[in-house]
Amino acid sequence: MQLTDATFADQTRTGTVLVEFWAQWCGPCHMLSPILDQIDSERDDLTVYKINADENTATARDYQVMSLPTMLLFRDGVPIRQIVGARPKSRLLAELDDALSA
């Protein structure tokens, strides 16, 4: 699901949410997209959203996103981990599990 500047706060307010900041021109973002789709369908404890950083500059600025792809993991509205760059599914899951167990 795509977020916007207008919907970002409401969708990240409750639960555990992973948000990918991406852009159309970003090759690594496109490589990461199917991995995030798989994680979203496989994990009941996590909701995955995407936000286009070029079209939603206020949110990207507010969270100091300087490189794409950047993923922010939220727990009840609070960012608990930032992950920068594409990575294999197994490594991404390990980083998410580490953050969620803390």
Protein backbone atom coordinates (compact mmCIF):
# COMPACT_ATOMS: atom_id res chain seq x y z
CA MET A 1 0.00 0.00 0.00
CA GLN A 2 1.23 3.45 -0.89
CA LEU A 3 1.38 6.19 1.71
CA THR A 4 1.41 9.94 1.18
CA ASP A 5 2.37 12.91 3.33
CA ALA A 6 -1.31 13.14 4.26
CA THR A 7 -1.76 9.47 5.28
CA PHE A 8 1.66 8.70 6.78
CA ALA A 9 0.99 9.59 10.43
CA ASP A 10 -2.34 7.76 10.60
CA GLN A 11 -0.99 4.54 9.07
CA THR A 12 2.13 4.36 11.25
CA ARG A 13 0.40 5.32 14.51
CA THR A 14 -0.52 1.82 15.75
CA GLY A 15 1.02 -1.61 15.46
CA THR A 16 4.31 -2.59 13.87
CA VAL A 17 4.83 -0.96 10.49
CA LEU A 18 7.70 -1.06 8.02
CA VAL A 19 7.78 1.85 5.55
CA GLU A 20 9.99 1.87 2.48
CA PHE A 21 10.93 5.27 1.08
CA TRP A 22 11.46 4.77 -2.65
CA ALA A 23 11.50 6.60 -6.00
CA GLN A 24 10.70 5.59 -9.56
CA TRP A 25 14.30 6.16 -10.70
CA CYS A 26 15.79 4.00 -7.89
CA GLY A 27 16.94 0.62 -9.22
CA PRO A 28 17.63 -0.92 -5.79
CA CYS A 29 14.12 0.14 -4.72
CA HIS A 30 12.62 -1.90 -7.55
CA MET A 31 14.78 -4.89 -6.57
CA LEU A 32 13.57 -4.60 -2.97
CA SER A 33 9.88 -4.25 -3.85
CA PRO A 34 9.06 -7.97 -4.38
CA ILE A 35 10.94 -8.85 -1.18
CA LEU A 36 8.83 -6.39 0.80
CA ASP A 37 5.66 -7.72 -0.83
CA GLN A 38 6.62 -11.25 0.28
CA ILE A 39 7.37 -10.11 3.83
CA ASP A 40 4.05 -8.28 3.98
CA SER A 41 2.14 -11.40 2.93
CA GLU A 42 4.12 -13.77 5.17
CA ARG A 43 4.28 -11.81 8.42
CA ASP A 44 1.14 -11.27 10.49
CA ASP A 45 3.04 -9.18 13.04
CA LEU A 46 4.11 -6.54 10.53
CA THR A 47 2.45 -4.25 7.99
CA VAL A 48 4.53 -3.01 5.05
CA TYR A 49 3.89 0.31 3.32
CA LYS A 50 5.73 2.26 0.65
CA ILE A 51 6.03 6.01 0.18
CA ASN A 52 7.41 7.74 -2.89
CA ALA A 53 10.04 10.13 -1.53
CA ASP A 54 9.98 12.33 -4.64
CA GLU A 55 6.23 12.89 -4.39
CA ASN A 56 6.10 13.15 -0.57
CA THR A 57 9.03 15.35 0.28
CA ALA A 58 7.68 16.58 3.63
CA THR A 59 7.70 13.09 5.17
CA ALA A 60 11.09 12.25 3.68
CA ARG A 61 12.45 15.51 5.11
CA ASP A 62 10.84 14.96 8.53
CA TYR A 63 12.51 11.55 8.85
CA GLN A 64 15.81 12.75 7.36
CA VAL A 65 15.76 10.27 4.48
CA MET A 66 18.97 10.99 2.56
CA SER A 67 19.34 7.81 0.50
CA LEU A 68 17.00 5.40 -1.24
CA PRO A 69 15.81 2.89 -0.47
CA THR A 70 15.42 3.69 3.21
CA MET A 71 13.15 1.65 5.43
CA LEU A 72 11.81 2.83 8.76
CA LEU A 73 10.39 0.37 11.27
CA PHE A 74 7.73 1.84 13.56
CA ARG A 75 6.20 0.44 16.71
CA ASP A 76 3.04 2.31 17.74
CA GLY A 77 4.10 5.46 15.92
CA VAL A 78 7.69 5.52 17.18
CA PRO A 79 10.54 4.78 14.74
CA ILE A 80 12.66 2.00 16.24
CA ARG A 81 15.03 1.17 13.37
CA GLN A 82 16.23 2.71 10.12
CA ILE A 83 17.58 0.42 7.41
CA VAL A 84 19.32 2.02 4.44
CA GLY A 85 19.90 0.16 1.18
CA ALA A 86 18.61 -2.96 -0.48
CA ARG A 87 19.50 -6.34 0.99
CA PRO A 88 18.56 -9.98 0.57
CA LYS A 89 15.36 -11.15 2.22
CA SER A 90 17.14 -13.26 4.83
CA ARG A 91 19.29 -10.35 5.98
CA LEU A 92 16.35 -7.95 6.06
CA LEU A 93 14.30 -10.41 8.11
CA ALA A 94 17.20 -10.86 10.53
CA GLU A 95 17.46 -7.08 11.01
CA LEU A 96 13.69 -6.76 11.51
CA ASP A 97 13.61 -9.61 14.00
CA ASP A 98 16.54 -8.09 15.89
CA ALA A 99 14.76 -4.72 16.13
CA LEU A 100 11.46 -6.29 17.15
CA SER A 101 13.01 -8.41 19.90
CA ALA A 102 14.67 -5.40 21.54
